[in-house]
Amino acid sequence: MPLQVARDLIRERDEAIAKVQGQLGERESARLAEALPPSIGEHRAAMLDTIIVDRWAAERKVVKKGVDTPRAVARWFYQRVGSKPVSEITRADVLAFKDKLIAEGQSPANTLMKLSRLRTLLQWAADNDYAASNAAQGVRVLDTDQAS
């Protein structure tokens, strides 16, 4: 499909959605937005600490307090490796995150927890076509306290 045809289809879809949302109240419009699949542009630009955490939490019906830690891990990740859409996060980024946590003196258990939460978010992103794969898959740190 030529690129312009795809853009036209997306524009028409977005215009139709905007028209329906204009006819609905605020609450119904928000429910419609949650139910719709994201646009192609949203997929490419989805950020880990906002769209991915929000959609992951909505799908799993996570309470607000349960969202705070994954969102914090996403922010810590961005603070250490730079902010980029989830579709551009690489294994090298995840390894750099792990190395920086260790260099900061984070305990192996704390580093493992952060990597686990990051892996969960990146797996959700991959499962829902926001990323080609889970860049955190297989990235671990040896917890010498658990190894004993």
Foldseek 3Di string as FASTA:
>chain_A
DDPVVLVVVLVVVVVVLVVVLVVDDPVVNVVVVLPDQDDPVCLQQAWLLPPLLVNVCVVVVPDPVRSVVLSVLSVLLCVQQNTGFLQPDALVSLVSSLVVCVVVPNAQVVSQVSLVSLQVSLCSSCVSVSYVHRRSPPDHDDHVVVVD
